[in-house]
N, C-alpha and C. Protein backbone atom coordinates (compact mmCIF):
# COMPACT_ATOMS: atom_id res chain seq x y z
N UNK A 1 143.56 -134.15 -90.37
CA UNK A 1 144.28 -135.70 -90.04
C UNK A 1 145.63 -135.10 -90.16
N UNK A 2 146.41 -136.26 -90.78
CA UNK A 2 147.90 -136.23 -90.80
C UNK A 2 148.06 -135.29 -92.14
N UNK A 3 147.32 -134.64 -92.85
CA UNK A 3 147.91 -134.21 -94.02
C UNK A 3 146.95 -132.60 -94.09
N UNK A 4 147.72 -131.61 -94.44
CA UNK A 4 147.32 -130.34 -94.81
C UNK A 4 147.18 -129.92 -96.17
N UNK A 5 146.99 -129.06 -96.64
CA UNK A 5 147.25 -128.59 -98.04
C UNK A 5 146.67 -127.12 -97.84
N UNK A 6 147.71 -126.28 -97.88
CA UNK A 6 147.80 -124.79 -97.94
C UNK A 6 147.75 -124.27 -98.93
N UNK A 7 146.73 -123.54 -99.08
CA UNK A 7 146.65 -122.41 -100.78
C UNK A 7 147.65 -121.72 -100.59
N UNK A 8 148.91 -121.46 -101.71
CA UNK A 8 149.92 -120.35 -101.33
C UNK A 8 149.33 -119.04 -102.66
N UNK A 9 148.99 -119.61 -103.68
CA UNK A 9 148.53 -118.75 -105.00
C UNK A 9 147.65 -119.65 -105.76
N UNK A 10 147.44 -118.46 -106.96
CA UNK A 10 146.35 -119.36 -107.85
C UNK A 10 147.04 -120.59 -108.37
N UNK A 11 148.32 -120.89 -108.33
CA UNK A 11 148.66 -121.94 -108.98
C UNK A 11 150.15 -122.86 -107.81
N UNK A 12 149.52 -122.74 -106.81
CA UNK A 12 150.86 -123.21 -106.25
C UNK A 12 150.28 -123.49 -104.58
N UNK A 13 150.32 -124.68 -103.97
CA UNK A 13 149.79 -125.50 -102.80
C UNK A 13 151.52 -126.12 -102.43
N UNK A 14 150.73 -125.62 -100.75
CA UNK A 14 152.02 -126.67 -100.08
C UNK A 14 151.32 -128.37 -99.31
N UNK A 15 151.92 -129.07 -99.26
CA UNK A 15 150.94 -130.18 -98.78
C UNK A 15 151.86 -130.05 -97.73
N UNK A 16 151.52 -130.24 -96.47
CA UNK A 16 152.48 -130.91 -94.86
C UNK A 16 151.80 -132.10 -94.50
N UNK A 17 152.75 -133.02 -94.31
CA UNK A 17 152.41 -134.61 -93.83
C UNK A 17 153.68 -134.64 -92.76
N UNK A 18 153.21 -135.87 -92.22
CA UNK A 18 154.12 -136.26 -90.95
C UNK A 18 155.67 -137.18 -92.01
N UNK A 19 156.55 -136.81 -91.34
CA UNK A 19 157.60 -136.91 -91.94
C UNK A 19 158.17 -138.65 -92.52
N UNK A 20 157.02 -139.71 -91.94
CA UNK A 20 157.13 -141.22 -92.34
C UNK A 20 156.25 -141.17 -93.07
N UNK A 21 155.47 -140.34 -93.87
CA UNK A 21 154.44 -140.44 -95.13
C UNK A 21 155.01 -139.61 -96.50
N UNK A 22 156.23 -138.63 -95.91
CA UNK A 22 156.49 -137.50 -97.05
C UNK A 22 156.44 -138.57 -98.67
N UNK A 23 157.08 -139.41 -98.46
CA UNK A 23 157.56 -140.02 -99.78
C UNK A 23 155.98 -140.98 -100.60
N UNK A 24 155.64 -141.32 -100.13
CA UNK A 24 154.01 -142.08 -100.51
C UNK A 24 152.76 -140.95 -100.74
N UNK A 25 152.88 -139.76 -100.23
CA UNK A 25 151.98 -138.08 -100.51
C UNK A 25 152.94 -138.03 -101.68
N UNK A 26 154.02 -137.89 -101.73
CA UNK A 26 154.74 -137.33 -102.93
C UNK A 26 154.16 -138.26 -104.45
N UNK A 27 154.19 -139.49 -104.07
CA UNK A 27 154.20 -140.18 -105.25
C UNK A 27 152.49 -140.04 -105.41
N UNK A 28 151.58 -140.73 -104.61
CA UNK A 28 150.55 -140.41 -104.96
C UNK A 28 150.03 -139.09 -105.35
N UNK A 29 150.73 -137.84 -105.08
CA UNK A 29 150.54 -136.77 -106.13
C UNK A 29 150.49 -136.71 -107.54
N UNK A 30 152.23 -137.47 -107.45
CA UNK A 30 152.67 -137.38 -109.10
C UNK A 30 151.68 -138.53 -109.80
N UNK A 31 151.33 -139.43 -109.46
CA UNK A 31 150.02 -140.25 -109.81
C UNK A 31 149.06 -139.40 -110.18
N UNK A 32 148.54 -139.02 -109.31
CA UNK A 32 147.18 -138.06 -109.39
C UNK A 32 147.49 -136.99 -110.39
N UNK A 33 148.76 -136.15 -110.29
CA UNK A 33 148.40 -135.26 -111.28
C UNK A 33 149.65 -135.43 -112.53
N UNK A 34 149.28 -136.62 -113.27
CA UNK A 34 150.40 -137.24 -114.11
C UNK A 34 149.70 -136.93 -115.42
N UNK A 35 148.55 -136.35 -115.85
CA UNK A 35 148.28 -135.92 -117.09
C UNK A 35 147.80 -134.60 -116.88
N UNK A 36 147.94 -133.93 -116.00
CA UNK A 36 148.23 -132.45 -115.96
C UNK A 36 149.20 -132.11 -116.14
N UNK A 37 149.78 -130.58 -116.79
CA UNK A 37 150.57 -129.76 -116.19
C UNK A 37 150.66 -129.13 -115.20
N UNK A 38 151.54 -129.89 -114.41
CA UNK A 38 151.71 -129.47 -113.12
C UNK A 38 153.06 -130.34 -112.54
N UNK A 39 154.06 -129.71 -111.46
CA UNK A 39 155.07 -130.62 -110.74
C UNK A 39 154.77 -130.76 -109.17
N UNK A 40 155.45 -131.90 -108.71
CA UNK A 40 155.06 -132.02 -107.33
C UNK A 40 156.68 -132.17 -106.64
N UNK A 41 157.27 -130.98 -105.84
CA UNK A 41 158.57 -131.12 -105.66
C UNK A 41 158.55 -131.18 -104.25
N UNK A 42 159.44 -132.29 -103.55
CA UNK A 42 159.65 -132.45 -102.14
C UNK A 42 160.61 -131.23 -101.67
N UNK A 43 159.90 -129.98 -101.00
CA UNK A 43 160.97 -129.20 -100.14
C UNK A 43 160.97 -129.27 -98.74
N UNK A 44 160.52 -130.36 -98.16
CA UNK A 44 161.01 -130.78 -96.92
C UNK A 44 162.06 -130.81 -96.22
N UNK A 45 163.26 -130.83 -97.26
CA UNK A 45 164.61 -130.91 -96.54
C UNK A 45 165.23 -129.32 -96.54
N UNK A 46 164.16 -128.23 -96.89
CA UNK A 46 164.88 -127.04 -97.00
C UNK A 46 163.73 -126.32 -95.76
N UNK A 47 163.00 -126.76 -95.41
CA UNK A 47 162.01 -126.07 -94.76
C UNK A 47 161.95 -126.68 -92.99
N UNK A 48 160.73 -125.67 -92.00
CA UNK A 48 160.86 -126.22 -90.78
C UNK A 48 159.69 -125.59 -90.19
N UNK A 49 159.24 -126.07 -89.21
CA UNK A 49 158.23 -125.36 -88.43
C UNK A 49 158.59 -125.20 -87.45
N UNK A 50 157.88 -123.71 -87.04
CA UNK A 50 158.13 -123.46 -85.40
C UNK A 50 156.63 -123.03 -85.12
N UNK A 51 156.09 -124.07 -83.92
CA UNK A 51 154.89 -123.64 -83.43
C UNK A 51 155.42 -122.78 -82.33
N UNK A 52 154.18 -121.58 -82.19
CA UNK A 52 153.60 -120.81 -81.50
C UNK A 52 152.30 -120.89 -80.96
N UNK A 53 152.03 -120.82 -79.53
CA UNK A 53 150.88 -121.17 -79.23
C UNK A 53 150.65 -120.56 -78.06
N UNK A 54 149.53 -119.90 -77.32
CA UNK A 54 149.13 -119.22 -76.03
C UNK A 54 148.71 -117.91 -76.20
N UNK A 55 148.18 -117.43 -75.28
CA UNK A 55 147.32 -116.21 -75.08
C UNK A 55 148.00 -114.95 -76.03
N UNK A 56 149.09 -114.91 -75.87
CA UNK A 56 150.15 -113.84 -76.55
C UNK A 56 150.35 -114.13 -77.56
N UNK A 57 150.31 -115.21 -78.12
CA UNK A 57 150.96 -115.75 -79.64
C UNK A 57 150.59 -114.49 -80.69
N UNK A 58 149.65 -114.01 -80.75
CA UNK A 58 149.36 -112.84 -81.57
C UNK A 58 150.17 -111.84 -81.31
N UNK A 59 150.29 -111.18 -80.33
CA UNK A 59 150.71 -110.21 -79.97
C UNK A 59 152.41 -110.56 -80.52
N UNK A 60 153.05 -111.35 -80.02
CA UNK A 60 154.26 -112.18 -80.48
C UNK A 60 154.60 -111.80 -81.76
N UNK A 61 153.54 -112.22 -82.76
CA UNK A 61 153.82 -112.40 -84.46
C UNK A 61 153.55 -110.75 -84.63
N UNK A 62 152.59 -110.19 -83.70
CA UNK A 62 152.58 -108.76 -84.48
C UNK A 62 153.63 -108.05 -84.70
N UNK A 63 154.88 -108.35 -83.65
CA UNK A 63 155.82 -107.24 -83.06
C UNK A 63 156.82 -107.47 -84.57
N UNK A 64 156.45 -108.81 -85.44
CA UNK A 64 157.37 -108.66 -86.81
C UNK A 64 156.37 -108.94 -88.26
N UNK A 65 155.45 -108.86 -88.12
CA UNK A 65 154.44 -108.95 -89.76
C UNK A 65 153.39 -107.81 -89.03
N UNK A 66 153.48 -107.51 -90.41
CA UNK A 66 152.30 -106.78 -91.10
C UNK A 66 150.83 -107.18 -90.90
N UNK A 67 150.77 -108.76 -91.30
CA UNK A 67 149.51 -109.32 -91.13
C UNK A 67 148.71 -108.92 -90.36
N UNK A 68 147.39 -109.02 -90.62
CA UNK A 68 145.92 -108.78 -89.72
C UNK A 68 145.83 -109.94 -89.26
N UNK A 69 146.35 -110.59 -88.08
CA UNK A 69 145.93 -111.59 -87.32
C UNK A 69 144.76 -111.67 -86.21
N UNK A 70 144.06 -110.32 -86.52
CA UNK A 70 143.20 -110.35 -85.45
C UNK A 70 142.31 -111.62 -86.06
N UNK A 71 141.26 -112.30 -85.13
CA UNK A 71 140.90 -113.57 -84.82
C UNK A 71 139.38 -113.04 -86.24
N UNK A 72 138.92 -111.83 -86.28
CA UNK A 72 137.94 -111.68 -87.47
C UNK A 72 138.39 -111.72 -88.52
N UNK A 73 140.09 -111.48 -88.72
CA UNK A 73 140.57 -111.52 -90.05
C UNK A 73 141.06 -112.60 -90.35
N UNK A 74 142.00 -113.44 -89.64
CA UNK A 74 142.61 -114.47 -89.89
C UNK A 74 142.51 -115.87 -88.13
N UNK A 75 141.46 -117.00 -89.32
CA UNK A 75 141.05 -117.73 -88.17
C UNK A 75 141.84 -119.36 -88.21
N UNK A 76 141.43 -120.41 -87.77
CA UNK A 76 141.94 -121.37 -87.41
C UNK A 76 141.41 -121.78 -89.16
N UNK A 77 142.63 -122.30 -89.71
CA UNK A 77 142.40 -123.39 -91.22
C UNK A 77 143.15 -121.87 -92.14
N UNK A 78 143.27 -121.03 -91.83
CA UNK A 78 143.63 -120.33 -92.54
C UNK A 78 145.25 -119.92 -92.66
N UNK A 79 145.84 -119.62 -93.78
CA UNK A 79 147.18 -119.40 -93.68
C UNK A 79 147.86 -118.15 -94.86
N UNK A 80 148.92 -117.54 -94.40
CA UNK A 80 149.22 -116.22 -95.82
C UNK A 80 150.70 -116.46 -95.44
N UNK A 81 151.17 -115.84 -96.75
CA UNK A 81 152.80 -115.59 -96.84
C UNK A 81 153.16 -114.80 -96.65
N UNK A 82 154.18 -114.21 -95.55
CA UNK A 82 154.92 -112.88 -95.26
C UNK A 82 155.98 -112.90 -94.81
N UNK A 83 156.48 -111.81 -94.84
CA UNK A 83 157.52 -111.82 -93.31
C UNK A 83 157.53 -111.59 -92.12
N UNK A 84 158.23 -112.22 -91.37
CA UNK A 84 157.98 -112.17 -89.93
C UNK A 84 159.69 -111.69 -89.72
N UNK A 85 159.79 -110.74 -88.80
CA UNK A 85 161.22 -110.63 -88.55
C UNK A 85 162.29 -110.41 -89.99
N UNK A 86 162.42 -110.03 -90.84
CA UNK A 86 163.04 -110.28 -91.97
C UNK A 86 162.89 -111.74 -92.71
N UNK A 87 162.48 -112.34 -91.90
CA UNK A 87 162.40 -113.88 -92.63
C UNK A 87 161.34 -114.19 -93.57
N UNK A 88 160.91 -114.90 -94.88
CA UNK A 88 160.25 -115.09 -95.55
C UNK A 88 159.49 -116.13 -94.76
N UNK A 89 158.21 -116.51 -94.39
CA UNK A 89 157.57 -117.46 -93.95
C UNK A 89 156.09 -117.67 -94.57
N UNK A 90 155.51 -118.89 -94.14
CA UNK A 90 154.12 -118.84 -94.13
C UNK A 90 153.09 -119.25 -92.55
N UNK A 91 152.54 -118.38 -92.66
CA UNK A 91 151.82 -118.56 -90.86
C UNK A 91 150.76 -119.30 -91.50
N UNK A 92 150.35 -120.28 -90.50
CA UNK A 92 148.76 -120.93 -89.99
C UNK A 92 148.60 -120.63 -88.92
N UNK A 93 147.14 -120.57 -88.95
CA UNK A 93 146.32 -120.88 -87.53
C UNK A 93 145.75 -122.65 -87.23
N UNK A 94 146.60 -123.18 -86.49
CA UNK A 94 145.98 -124.56 -86.45
C UNK A 94 145.07 -124.87 -85.06
N UNK A 95 144.91 -123.62 -84.49
CA UNK A 95 144.19 -124.00 -83.04
C UNK A 95 143.39 -122.15 -82.73
N UNK A 96 142.27 -122.22 -81.86
CA UNK A 96 141.77 -121.25 -81.14
C UNK A 96 142.14 -120.60 -80.01
N UNK A 97 143.46 -121.45 -79.43
CA UNK A 97 144.26 -120.92 -78.22
C UNK A 97 144.94 -119.77 -77.92
N UNK A 98 145.28 -118.97 -79.11
CA UNK A 98 145.71 -119.35 -80.46
C UNK A 98 146.80 -119.96 -80.73
N UNK A 99 146.73 -120.96 -81.51
CA UNK A 99 147.86 -121.84 -82.21
C UNK A 99 148.31 -121.93 -83.39
N UNK A 100 149.53 -121.02 -83.95
CA UNK A 100 150.17 -121.00 -85.20
C UNK A 100 151.33 -122.00 -85.45
N UNK A 101 151.68 -122.10 -86.69
CA UNK A 101 152.76 -122.92 -87.40
C UNK A 101 153.25 -121.85 -87.78
N UNK A 102 154.46 -121.65 -87.76
CA UNK A 102 155.52 -120.62 -88.84
C UNK A 102 156.23 -121.75 -89.90
N UNK A 103 156.03 -121.74 -90.77
CA UNK A 103 156.96 -122.33 -91.78
C UNK A 103 158.16 -121.42 -92.14
N UNK A 104 159.39 -122.01 -92.38
CA UNK A 104 160.50 -120.73 -92.39
C UNK A 104 161.51 -121.82 -93.20
N UNK A 105 162.33 -121.24 -93.97
CA UNK A 105 163.66 -122.09 -94.33
C UNK A 105 164.48 -122.68 -93.29
N UNK A 106 164.84 -123.29 -93.29
CA UNK A 106 165.44 -124.07 -92.41
C UNK A 106 166.73 -122.81 -91.88
N UNK A 107 167.17 -122.22 -93.11
CA UNK A 107 168.96 -121.91 -92.69
C UNK A 107 168.41 -120.19 -91.87
N UNK A 108 166.58 -120.03 -91.87
CA UNK A 108 166.85 -118.98 -91.09
C UNK A 108 165.90 -119.43 -89.90
N UNK A 109 165.80 -120.69 -89.60
CA UNK A 109 165.19 -121.48 -88.37
C UNK A 109 165.89 -120.71 -86.72
N UNK A 110 167.38 -120.77 -86.71
CA UNK A 110 167.87 -120.75 -85.39
C UNK A 110 167.79 -118.72 -85.04
N UNK A 111 167.61 -118.41 -86.20
CA UNK A 111 167.44 -116.80 -85.86
C UNK A 111 165.95 -116.44 -85.75
N UNK A 112 164.92 -117.15 -86.58
CA UNK A 112 163.82 -116.47 -86.07
C UNK A 112 163.01 -117.32 -84.68
N UNK A 113 163.60 -118.59 -84.31
CA UNK A 113 163.92 -118.98 -82.74
C UNK A 113 164.34 -118.13 -81.74
N UNK A 114 165.48 -117.70 -81.85
CA UNK A 114 165.71 -116.51 -81.28
C UNK A 114 164.96 -115.17 -81.44
N UNK A 115 164.56 -114.93 -82.06
CA UNK A 115 163.71 -113.45 -82.36
C UNK A 115 162.59 -113.57 -81.58
N UNK A 116 162.13 -114.95 -81.74
CA UNK A 116 160.88 -115.22 -80.83
C UNK A 116 161.12 -115.23 -79.57
N UNK A 117 162.20 -115.77 -79.12
CA UNK A 117 162.44 -115.80 -77.40
C UNK A 117 162.78 -114.23 -76.92
N UNK A 118 163.16 -113.35 -77.64
CA UNK A 118 163.05 -112.21 -77.64
C UNK A 118 161.91 -111.24 -77.43
N UNK A 119 160.84 -111.56 -78.65
CA UNK A 119 159.90 -110.83 -78.75
C UNK A 119 158.90 -111.12 -77.62
N UNK A 120 158.71 -112.36 -77.32
CA UNK A 120 158.30 -112.64 -76.05
C UNK A 120 158.56 -112.36 -74.60
N UNK A 121 159.81 -111.78 -74.56
CA UNK A 121 160.14 -111.90 -73.13
C UNK A 121 159.06 -110.60 -72.43
N UNK A 122 158.91 -109.91 -72.96
CA UNK A 122 158.04 -109.00 -72.10
C UNK A 122 156.67 -109.58 -71.75
N UNK A 123 156.13 -110.35 -72.47
CA UNK A 123 155.04 -111.34 -71.83
C UNK A 123 155.52 -112.54 -71.13
N UNK A 124 156.76 -112.41 -70.59
CA UNK A 124 156.95 -113.57 -69.52
C UNK A 124 156.82 -115.13 -69.95
N UNK A 125 157.11 -115.08 -71.57
CA UNK A 125 156.79 -116.10 -71.91
C UNK A 125 157.95 -117.11 -72.16
N UNK A 126 158.03 -118.48 -71.82
CA UNK A 126 158.79 -119.45 -71.71
C UNK A 126 159.05 -119.65 -73.15
N UNK A 127 160.08 -119.86 -73.95
CA UNK A 127 160.24 -120.82 -75.33
C UNK A 127 160.91 -122.07 -74.89
N UNK A 128 160.43 -123.17 -75.58
CA UNK A 128 160.64 -124.54 -75.59
C UNK A 128 161.13 -124.82 -76.67
N UNK A 129 162.40 -125.35 -76.96
CA UNK A 129 162.93 -125.55 -77.78
C UNK A 129 162.92 -127.36 -77.80
N UNK A 130 162.84 -127.69 -78.95
CA UNK A 130 162.87 -129.27 -79.28
C UNK A 130 163.29 -129.55 -80.78
N UNK A 131 164.31 -130.69 -80.53
CA UNK A 131 164.88 -131.20 -81.91
C UNK A 131 164.43 -131.45 -82.88
């Protein structure tokens, strides 16, 4: 639905929501975890998502990432943290086409978008940028 929960490690999760429901989701999580040793931190101001989709999306990602993104090893609903073109990222496959979301710090977003444009050139891919 409108919320995705990504497991990043033994005690770390990343919750993705629509921007208009971030505050209510944060409060609901804080209430639900109030009696546990847990922290809920809003990191949305420092992160952004770049979507990459299409027949050659895996090939483009493979140019700058050492993860095995072959469909036998990495499928829809899976995520992993890694480095992509020297930027720390979380990669999540969201569709079979294939379609990926690359979560990256905002300070690296422009660099990574430009890297994607360059990496995709040999495949005749057009990069669409939207605000």
